[in-house]
Amino acid sequence: TYFAEKKYDEAKAIGESMINNKKFANCGDAYILLGDVAVAQAQDGDAGPAATMYETAISVDPKNKTAYERYATVNRNAAPEEAIRMLQEYKKIDPTYQVEAKIADLYYNQNRFQDAIDWYKKGDATNYSFTDFSKWAYSYFFRANYKDALDVAKKGLAKFNNNVDLTRAALYSSVETNDFENAVNYGKVLFDSTKAPTAMDYSYLGSAELGVKDYQNAITNLNKALELNPKDLKPMGKISQAYMGLGDENKALEYSQKYLEKEENPGYSDYSNLADIYTKKGDNAKGAEKTSWYNKAMGVWELMATKAPSIADIAYYMELQIADNQLKDKAKVSELYKKIISADENKENLSSNSKLILTAAYLNEAVNYNNTNQPEKAKEYAEKVLKIDPNNATAKQILSFGQKSEE
């Protein structure tokens, strides 16, 4: 009671009085209490005094499971191998002890999620608690391995039906794997099972509803997420998508603009969403207004290229689609292909998407030079195309014949 009230000196006095009394000389819990006090009063995280107390508890009371676990906990950073060894020693005393899950738990609490996963996989999952399954699932989730996170959550739910923590993990992982229908079902179970849904619960349920085109409910739940946690702006971008689904372009535009203004690290889909809104407005407009909306859409992709230079080629490629298909501006298209070449030409280990985009840019240059009677420049770019795409027929034709080619 004193310890719980943070009256550590009083708690320590009782612990010392016990170990000094022969009647309680073998009371492991007394040494555990003193170890807990030592942890609470430790300066600069010094675990030494506490470890000594827990080790003594083990020596006088070798079947005291808590002593082994406390010892492992305080040594998890300074002496992780010793912490594991001590837990395995208790396994010899109690063969049913889930030592793998406990070791995994130690790593989980250190945010060492891959180590936690490795130890959870070693254990007998048939004896795992719902907490074990939950932490195992979230270990995968925090490493962005959403499929395995979902699989573990499902295994846990098969044993602990409708458990809140596991249902939450299943909801989150289902959304991340685009399994929106099942995500909605998990969301309904979660909200039926918990009295205090979190902002993330509302956000993920709203995302699931967006995925199944239940736009109105998505907007309701995403707004609730914003209300509970105004600092997380991601729901704002999804609300914009929901309004687009409802055909309300003005509301969609309002939320998308707010999101990109406030969010420090927007993603590709956020830029794409706003550019799509501008493009659709252009599709429905006439004359100068049409051109204005298309230019705004292109401006969004230019902004993305500036803020996310690692994927600038994708931004330029999306921009040139508007220049080509909507504005029919061949000069702008050529300019953007040159920007792609500038962005990608000297990069190593290009992604498959970037290779396709760079190939298109080289081929555009090769065709343009070929059609303007500059065969040497045309062949130069055709050779660059073939280095990426050895079977490209147009590049081979330019190199073989130097004939004019239609773009």
Protein backbone atom coordinates (compact mmCIF):
# COMPACT_ATOMS: atom_id res chain seq x y z
CA THR A 1 0.00 0.00 0.00
CA TYR A 2 2.81 2.40 0.84
CA PHE A 3 4.55 1.53 -2.44
CA ALA A 4 1.35 2.12 -4.44
CA GLU A 5 1.06 5.55 -2.79
CA LYS A 6 4.72 6.27 -3.67
CA LYS A 7 5.70 6.38 0.00
CA TYR A 8 8.88 4.55 -0.79
CA ASP A 9 10.73 5.09 2.49
CA GLU A 10 7.86 3.60 4.47
CA ALA A 11 7.59 0.67 2.03
CA LYS A 12 11.33 0.08 2.25
CA ALA A 13 11.23 0.10 6.06
CA ILE A 14 8.61 -2.66 6.09
CA GLY A 15 10.58 -4.74 3.57
CA GLU A 16 13.76 -4.43 5.63
CA SER A 17 11.96 -5.28 8.86
CA MET A 18 10.72 -8.50 7.23
CA ILE A 19 14.06 -9.72 5.90
CA ASN A 20 15.64 -8.97 9.29
CA ASN A 21 13.05 -11.15 11.00
CA LYS A 22 14.01 -14.85 10.97
CA LYS A 23 10.34 -15.75 10.64
CA PHE A 24 10.31 -14.11 7.17
CA ALA A 25 13.92 -14.80 6.18
CA ASN A 26 12.86 -16.82 3.13
CA CYS A 27 10.10 -14.47 2.01
CA GLY A 28 10.93 -13.72 -1.62
CA ASP A 29 8.18 -11.12 -1.85
CA ALA A 30 9.95 -8.98 0.74
CA TYR A 31 13.07 -8.81 -1.44
CA ILE A 32 10.88 -8.15 -4.49
CA LEU A 33 9.34 -5.19 -2.64
CA LEU A 34 12.81 -3.83 -1.87
CA GLY A 35 13.78 -4.33 -5.52
CA ASP A 36 10.70 -2.43 -6.66
CA VAL A 37 11.58 0.42 -4.29
CA ALA A 38 15.13 0.43 -5.67
CA VAL A 39 13.76 0.73 -9.22
CA ALA A 40 11.49 3.60 -8.20
CA GLN A 41 14.32 5.46 -6.48
CA ALA A 42 17.07 4.62 -8.97
CA GLN A 43 19.27 7.47 -10.10
CA ASP A 44 20.01 7.62 -13.84
CA GLY A 45 18.35 4.27 -14.41
CA ASP A 46 20.85 2.30 -12.30
CA ALA A 47 19.32 -1.17 -12.13
CA GLY A 48 22.12 -2.74 -10.09
CA PRO A 49 20.61 -2.47 -6.56
CA ALA A 50 17.22 -3.72 -7.78
CA ALA A 51 18.78 -6.64 -9.67
CA THR A 52 20.61 -7.67 -6.49
CA MET A 53 17.35 -7.72 -4.53
CA TYR A 54 15.54 -9.74 -7.19
CA GLU A 55 18.43 -12.19 -7.41
CA THR A 56 18.32 -12.63 -3.64
CA ALA A 57 14.57 -13.24 -3.86
CA ILE A 58 15.30 -16.06 -6.31
CA SER A 59 17.93 -17.58 -4.04
CA VAL A 60 15.69 -17.63 -0.94
CA ASP A 61 12.46 -18.42 -2.80
CA PRO A 62 13.46 -20.29 -6.00
CA LYS A 63 9.88 -20.95 -7.10
CA ASN A 64 8.81 -17.30 -7.01
CA LYS A 65 8.00 -16.54 -10.64
CA THR A 66 7.71 -12.79 -10.06
CA ALA A 67 11.32 -12.64 -8.87
CA TYR A 68 12.59 -14.14 -12.13
CA GLU A 69 10.44 -11.82 -14.21
CA ARG A 70 11.46 -8.71 -12.27
CA TYR A 71 15.12 -9.69 -12.57
CA ALA A 72 14.74 -10.12 -16.32
CA THR A 73 12.94 -6.80 -16.65
CA VAL A 74 15.63 -4.71 -14.95
CA ASN A 75 18.39 -6.48 -16.91
CA ARG A 76 16.72 -6.36 -20.31
CA ASN A 77 18.92 -3.46 -21.46
CA ALA A 78 22.15 -3.90 -19.49
CA ALA A 79 22.34 -7.69 -19.73
CA PRO A 80 19.71 -9.06 -22.14
CA GLU A 81 21.31 -12.51 -22.41
CA GLU A 82 21.32 -12.84 -18.62
CA ALA A 83 17.68 -11.74 -18.51
CA ILE A 84 16.74 -14.45 -20.98
CA ARG A 85 18.82 -17.06 -19.14
CA MET A 86 17.05 -16.35 -15.87
CA LEU A 87 13.60 -16.70 -17.44
CA GLN A 88 14.69 -20.00 -18.96
CA GLU A 89 15.80 -21.13 -15.51
CA TYR A 90 12.26 -20.66 -14.24
CA LYS A 91 11.00 -22.70 -17.19
CA LYS A 92 12.92 -25.65 -15.67
CA ILE A 93 10.91 -25.24 -12.47
CA ASP A 94 7.57 -24.80 -14.23
CA PRO A 95 7.54 -26.50 -17.66
CA THR A 96 4.17 -24.87 -18.43
CA TYR A 97 5.68 -21.39 -18.14
CA GLN A 98 5.43 -19.47 -21.43
CA VAL A 99 9.03 -18.31 -21.40
CA GLU A 100 9.10 -17.45 -25.12
CA ALA A 101 6.10 -15.15 -24.75
CA LYS A 102 7.65 -13.49 -21.71
CA ILE A 103 10.94 -12.88 -23.50
CA ALA A 104 8.99 -11.55 -26.47
CA ASP A 105 7.13 -9.24 -24.11
CA LEU A 106 10.43 -7.84 -22.82
CA TYR A 107 11.50 -7.03 -26.37
CA TYR A 108 8.07 -5.60 -27.23
CA ASN A 109 8.32 -3.16 -24.33
CA GLN A 110 11.68 -2.02 -25.72
CA ASN A 111 10.13 -1.43 -29.17
CA ARG A 112 12.36 -4.21 -30.53
CA PHE A 113 9.51 -5.61 -32.54
CA GLN A 114 11.39 -8.03 -34.80
CA ASP A 115 13.00 -9.66 -31.76
CA ALA A 116 9.58 -9.89 -30.17
CA ILE A 117 8.18 -11.55 -33.31
CA ASP A 118 11.01 -14.08 -33.39
CA TRP A 119 10.35 -15.13 -29.79
CA TYR A 120 6.57 -15.26 -30.17
CA LYS A 121 7.06 -17.59 -33.14
CA LYS A 122 9.21 -19.93 -31.02
CA GLY A 123 6.54 -20.43 -28.35
CA ASP A 124 3.46 -22.62 -28.13
CA ALA A 125 0.73 -20.27 -29.26
CA THR A 126 -1.99 -22.65 -28.05
CA ASN A 127 -1.15 -21.50 -24.52
CA TYR A 128 -0.79 -17.80 -25.28
CA SER A 129 -2.95 -15.22 -23.51
CA PHE A 130 -4.93 -12.59 -25.43
CA THR A 131 -2.24 -10.11 -24.41
CA ASP A 132 0.43 -12.31 -26.02
CA PHE A 133 -1.54 -12.49 -29.26
CA SER A 134 -2.21 -8.76 -29.18
CA LYS A 135 1.43 -7.77 -28.72
CA TRP A 136 2.49 -10.31 -31.33
CA ALA A 137 0.04 -8.83 -33.83
CA TYR A 138 1.10 -5.26 -33.07
CA SER A 139 4.78 -6.23 -33.39
CA TYR A 140 4.02 -7.11 -37.00
CA PHE A 141 1.81 -4.03 -37.41
CA PHE A 142 4.49 -1.61 -36.19
CA ARG A 143 6.87 -3.12 -38.73
CA ALA A 144 4.26 -2.52 -41.45
CA ASN A 145 3.82 -6.27 -41.97
CA TYR A 146 0.06 -5.95 -42.00
CA LYS A 147 -0.80 -9.33 -43.51
CA ASP A 148 0.96 -11.24 -40.73
CA ALA A 149 -0.48 -8.85 -38.15
CA LEU A 150 -3.96 -9.72 -39.40
CA ASP A 151 -3.20 -13.45 -39.39
CA VAL A 152 -2.04 -13.35 -35.76
CA ALA A 153 -5.03 -11.23 -34.72
CA LYS A 154 -7.35 -13.80 -36.34
CA LYS A 155 -5.62 -16.65 -34.50
CA GLY A 156 -6.08 -14.78 -31.25
CA LEU A 157 -9.74 -14.06 -31.97
CA ALA A 158 -10.36 -17.73 -32.68
CA LYS A 159 -9.41 -18.34 -29.05
CA PHE A 160 -10.59 -15.07 -27.47
CA ASN A 161 -13.73 -14.23 -29.40
CA ASN A 162 -14.48 -10.48 -29.71
CA ASN A 163 -11.54 -9.47 -27.49
CA VAL A 164 -11.24 -5.68 -27.79
CA ASP A 165 -7.45 -5.51 -28.28
CA LEU A 166 -7.41 -8.26 -30.88
CA THR A 167 -10.46 -6.91 -32.69
CA ARG A 168 -8.78 -3.52 -32.84
CA ALA A 169 -5.62 -5.08 -34.30
CA ALA A 170 -7.76 -6.94 -36.86
CA LEU A 171 -9.58 -3.72 -37.83
CA TYR A 172 -6.37 -1.75 -38.30
CA SER A 173 -4.60 -4.52 -40.21
CA SER A 174 -7.60 -5.20 -42.46
CA VAL A 175 -7.70 -1.54 -43.51
CA GLU A 176 -3.96 -1.54 -44.20
CA THR A 177 -4.36 -4.63 -46.40
CA ASN A 178 -7.37 -3.04 -48.20
CA ASP A 179 -9.72 -5.72 -46.89
CA PHE A 180 -12.38 -3.11 -46.26
CA GLU A 181 -15.43 -5.34 -46.01
CA ASN A 182 -13.97 -7.39 -43.18
CA ALA A 183 -12.56 -4.23 -41.65
CA VAL A 184 -16.07 -2.78 -41.38
CA ASN A 185 -17.24 -5.96 -39.63
CA TYR A 186 -14.34 -5.82 -37.16
CA GLY A 187 -15.14 -2.16 -36.59
CA LYS A 188 -18.75 -2.94 -35.71
CA VAL A 189 -17.64 -5.60 -33.22
CA LEU A 190 -15.07 -3.25 -31.72
CA PHE A 191 -17.54 -0.41 -31.22
CA ASP A 192 -20.03 -2.83 -29.68
CA SER A 193 -17.36 -4.12 -27.29
CA THR A 194 -15.69 -0.95 -26.04
CA LYS A 195 -17.14 1.97 -24.10
CA ALA A 196 -14.33 4.33 -25.06
CA PRO A 197 -13.38 4.18 -28.75
CA THR A 198 -10.14 6.02 -29.55
CA ALA A 199 -9.49 8.54 -32.29
CA MET A 200 -7.64 5.84 -34.22
CA ASP A 201 -10.63 3.52 -33.88
CA TYR A 202 -12.86 6.12 -35.51
CA SER A 203 -10.22 6.88 -38.13
CA TYR A 204 -9.76 3.26 -39.16
CA LEU A 205 -13.49 2.53 -39.15
CA GLY A 206 -14.05 5.63 -41.29
CA SER A 207 -11.31 4.48 -43.66
CA ALA A 208 -12.95 1.07 -43.93
CA GLU A 209 -16.32 2.66 -44.69
CA LEU A 210 -14.67 4.84 -47.31
CA GLY A 211 -13.26 1.65 -48.83
CA VAL A 212 -16.74 0.11 -49.18
CA LYS A 213 -18.18 3.43 -50.46
CA ASP A 214 -20.29 4.06 -47.36
CA TYR A 215 -19.35 7.70 -47.68
CA GLN A 216 -21.77 9.33 -45.25
CA ASN A 217 -20.82 7.08 -42.33
CA ALA A 218 -17.18 7.48 -43.28
CA ILE A 219 -17.48 11.26 -42.99
CA THR A 220 -19.19 10.95 -39.59
CA ASN A 221 -16.53 8.69 -38.12
CA LEU A 222 -13.58 10.52 -39.66
CA ASN A 223 -14.88 13.80 -38.24
CA LYS A 224 -15.14 12.12 -34.84
CA ALA A 225 -11.50 11.09 -35.17
CA LEU A 226 -10.54 14.71 -35.86
CA GLU A 227 -12.59 15.85 -32.90
CA LEU A 228 -10.82 13.45 -30.52
CA ASN A 229 -7.33 14.08 -31.93
CA PRO A 230 -7.08 17.36 -33.90
CA LYS A 231 -3.31 16.88 -34.30
CA ASP A 232 -3.75 13.87 -36.58
CA LEU A 233 -4.87 15.41 -39.87
CA LYS A 234 -5.00 12.24 -41.98
CA PRO A 235 -8.76 11.82 -41.52
CA MET A 236 -9.19 15.25 -43.13
CA GLY A 237 -7.73 13.98 -46.40
CA LYS A 238 -10.01 10.94 -46.29
CA ILE A 239 -13.05 13.13 -45.64
CA SER A 240 -12.18 14.90 -48.89
CA GLN A 241 -12.20 11.55 -50.70
CA ALA A 242 -15.57 10.70 -49.16
CA TYR A 243 -17.09 13.95 -50.37
CA MET A 244 -15.73 13.21 -53.84
CA GLY A 245 -17.50 9.86 -53.63
CA LEU A 246 -20.73 11.71 -52.84
CA GLY A 247 -20.17 14.00 -55.80
CA ASP A 248 -19.70 17.11 -53.64
CA GLU A 249 -16.59 18.52 -55.31
CA ASN A 250 -16.70 21.81 -53.40
CA LYS A 251 -16.61 20.10 -50.00
CA ALA A 252 -13.97 17.69 -51.26
CA LEU A 253 -11.85 20.62 -52.40
CA GLU A 254 -12.32 22.44 -49.08
CA TYR A 255 -11.06 19.51 -47.01
CA SER A 256 -8.25 18.60 -49.40
CA GLN A 257 -6.89 22.17 -49.42
CA LYS A 258 -7.08 22.40 -45.62
CA TYR A 259 -5.26 19.10 -45.28
CA LEU A 260 -2.39 19.97 -47.61
CA GLU A 261 -2.02 23.39 -45.96
CA LYS A 262 -1.72 21.91 -42.46
CA GLU A 263 -0.16 18.46 -42.93
CA GLU A 264 3.65 18.52 -42.74
CA ASN A 265 4.20 15.19 -44.48
CA PRO A 266 1.36 14.50 -46.92
CA GLY A 267 1.52 11.34 -49.00
CA TYR A 268 1.11 10.63 -52.69
CA SER A 269 -2.62 9.90 -52.38
CA ASP A 270 -3.18 13.29 -50.73
CA TYR A 271 -1.67 15.17 -53.68
CA SER A 272 -3.46 12.85 -56.10
CA ASN A 273 -6.79 13.50 -54.41
CA LEU A 274 -6.51 17.28 -54.75
CA ALA A 275 -5.20 17.06 -58.33
CA ASP A 276 -8.12 14.80 -59.25
CA ILE A 277 -10.59 17.30 -57.81
CA TYR A 278 -9.10 20.14 -59.85
CA THR A 279 -9.02 17.95 -62.97
CA LYS A 280 -12.68 16.98 -62.62
CA LYS A 281 -13.62 20.60 -62.12
CA GLY A 282 -11.75 21.37 -65.31
CA ASP A 283 -13.58 18.59 -67.12
CA ASN A 284 -16.89 20.22 -66.16
CA ALA A 285 -15.86 23.80 -66.94
CA LYS A 286 -15.55 25.76 -70.18
CA GLY A 287 -13.10 28.14 -71.80
CA ALA A 288 -10.55 29.91 -69.65
CA GLU A 289 -12.03 28.44 -66.48
CA LYS A 290 -11.35 24.94 -67.79
CA THR A 291 -7.70 25.78 -68.44
CA SER A 292 -7.41 27.42 -65.01
CA TRP A 293 -8.58 24.25 -63.21
CA TYR A 294 -6.18 22.10 -65.23
CA ASN A 295 -3.30 24.42 -64.41
CA LYS A 296 -4.19 24.17 -60.73
CA ALA A 297 -4.11 20.40 -60.97
CA MET A 298 -0.68 20.56 -62.59
CA GLY A 299 0.42 22.93 -59.85
CA VAL A 300 -0.42 20.28 -57.25
CA TRP A 301 1.93 17.82 -58.94
CA GLU A 302 4.63 20.50 -59.17
CA LEU A 303 4.25 21.04 -55.42
CA MET A 304 4.63 17.33 -54.79
CA ALA A 305 7.78 17.20 -56.92
CA THR A 306 9.25 20.00 -54.81
CA LYS A 307 8.26 18.56 -51.42
CA ALA A 308 9.00 14.93 -52.26
CA PRO A 309 11.99 14.93 -54.65
CA SER A 310 12.49 11.17 -54.23
CA ILE A 311 9.29 10.60 -56.23
CA ALA A 312 9.43 13.73 -58.37
CA ASP A 313 9.40 11.62 -61.53
CA ILE A 314 5.94 10.27 -60.66
CA ALA A 315 4.69 13.80 -59.98
CA TYR A 316 6.03 15.07 -63.32
CA TYR A 317 4.55 12.08 -65.14
CA MET A 318 1.12 12.69 -63.63
CA GLU A 319 1.42 16.37 -64.52
CA LEU A 320 2.29 15.65 -68.14
CA GLN A 321 -0.80 13.42 -68.45
CA ILE A 322 -2.90 16.54 -67.88
CA ALA A 323 -0.74 18.60 -70.22
CA ASP A 324 -1.08 15.94 -72.90
CA ASN A 325 -4.65 14.67 -72.51
CA GLN A 326 -6.51 17.76 -71.30
CA LEU A 327 -4.47 20.76 -72.50
CA LYS A 328 -2.94 19.17 -75.63
CA ASP A 329 0.20 21.18 -74.85
CA LYS A 330 3.00 19.26 -76.56
CA ALA A 331 5.64 21.79 -75.54
CA LYS A 332 4.72 21.34 -71.86
CA VAL A 333 4.79 17.57 -72.28
CA SER A 334 8.29 17.74 -73.72
CA GLU A 335 9.38 20.05 -70.90
CA LEU A 336 8.08 17.61 -68.28
CA TYR A 337 9.77 14.63 -69.93
CA LYS A 338 13.04 16.58 -69.70
CA LYS A 339 12.36 17.18 -65.99
CA ILE A 340 11.88 13.43 -65.51
CA ILE A 341 15.22 12.75 -67.20
CA SER A 342 16.89 15.34 -65.01
CA ALA A 343 15.33 13.82 -61.87
CA ASP A 344 16.12 10.16 -62.65
CA GLU A 345 19.06 9.93 -65.03
CA ASN A 346 21.79 9.83 -62.41
CA LYS A 347 19.92 7.82 -59.79
CA GLU A 348 20.98 4.32 -58.86
CA ASN A 349 18.61 1.44 -58.13
CA LEU A 350 15.54 2.94 -59.75
CA SER A 351 12.21 1.35 -58.87
CA SER A 352 10.33 -0.52 -61.57
CA ASN A 353 7.89 2.40 -61.87
CA SER A 354 10.72 4.91 -62.24
CA LYS A 355 12.33 2.76 -64.93
CA LEU A 356 9.10 2.76 -66.92
CA ILE A 357 8.73 6.53 -66.56
CA LEU A 358 12.37 7.20 -67.49
CA THR A 359 12.06 4.89 -70.49
CA ALA A 360 9.02 6.85 -71.69
CA ALA A 361 10.94 10.10 -71.27
CA TYR A 362 13.98 8.83 -73.22
CA LEU A 363 11.73 7.45 -75.96
CA ASN A 364 9.90 10.76 -76.25
CA GLU A 365 13.21 12.55 -76.76
CA ALA A 366 14.39 9.93 -79.28
CA VAL A 367 11.18 10.24 -81.31
CA ASN A 368 11.24 14.05 -81.23
CA TYR A 369 14.86 14.19 -82.43
CA ASN A 370 14.12 11.59 -85.09
CA ASN A 371 11.12 13.54 -86.35
CA THR A 372 13.11 16.78 -86.51
CA ASN A 373 15.91 15.21 -88.60
CA GLN A 374 18.48 15.00 -85.81
CA PRO A 375 19.41 11.31 -86.19
CA GLU A 376 22.50 11.33 -84.00
CA LYS A 377 20.62 12.77 -81.01
CA ALA A 378 17.74 10.40 -81.75
CA LYS A 379 20.09 7.40 -81.68
CA GLU A 380 21.71 8.65 -78.46
CA TYR A 381 18.36 8.54 -76.66
CA ALA A 382 17.30 5.32 -78.36
CA GLU A 383 20.39 3.65 -76.93
CA LYS A 384 19.42 4.90 -73.47
CA VAL A 385 15.99 3.36 -73.95
CA LEU A 386 17.49 -0.01 -74.88
CA LYS A 387 19.68 -0.06 -71.77
CA ILE A 388 16.49 -0.14 -69.71
CA ASP A 389 14.18 -1.90 -72.18
CA PRO A 390 16.29 -4.03 -74.57
CA ASN A 391 13.27 -5.13 -76.59
CA ASN A 392 11.77 -1.72 -77.26
CA ALA A 393 10.70 -1.85 -80.92
CA THR A 394 10.61 1.92 -81.53
CA ALA A 395 14.14 2.44 -80.19
CA LYS A 396 15.42 -0.45 -82.32
CA GLN A 397 13.79 1.05 -85.39
CA ILE A 398 15.42 4.42 -84.78
CA LEU A 399 18.84 2.81 -84.36
CA SER A 400 18.46 0.53 -87.37
CA PHE A 401 16.98 2.83 -89.93
CA GLY A 402 16.99 6.35 -88.60
CA GLN A 403 13.56 6.67 -90.11
CA LYS A 404 11.00 9.13 -88.91
CA SER A 405 8.75 7.58 -86.33
CA GLU A 406 5.30 8.55 -85.24
CA GLU A 407 5.09 9.31 -81.50
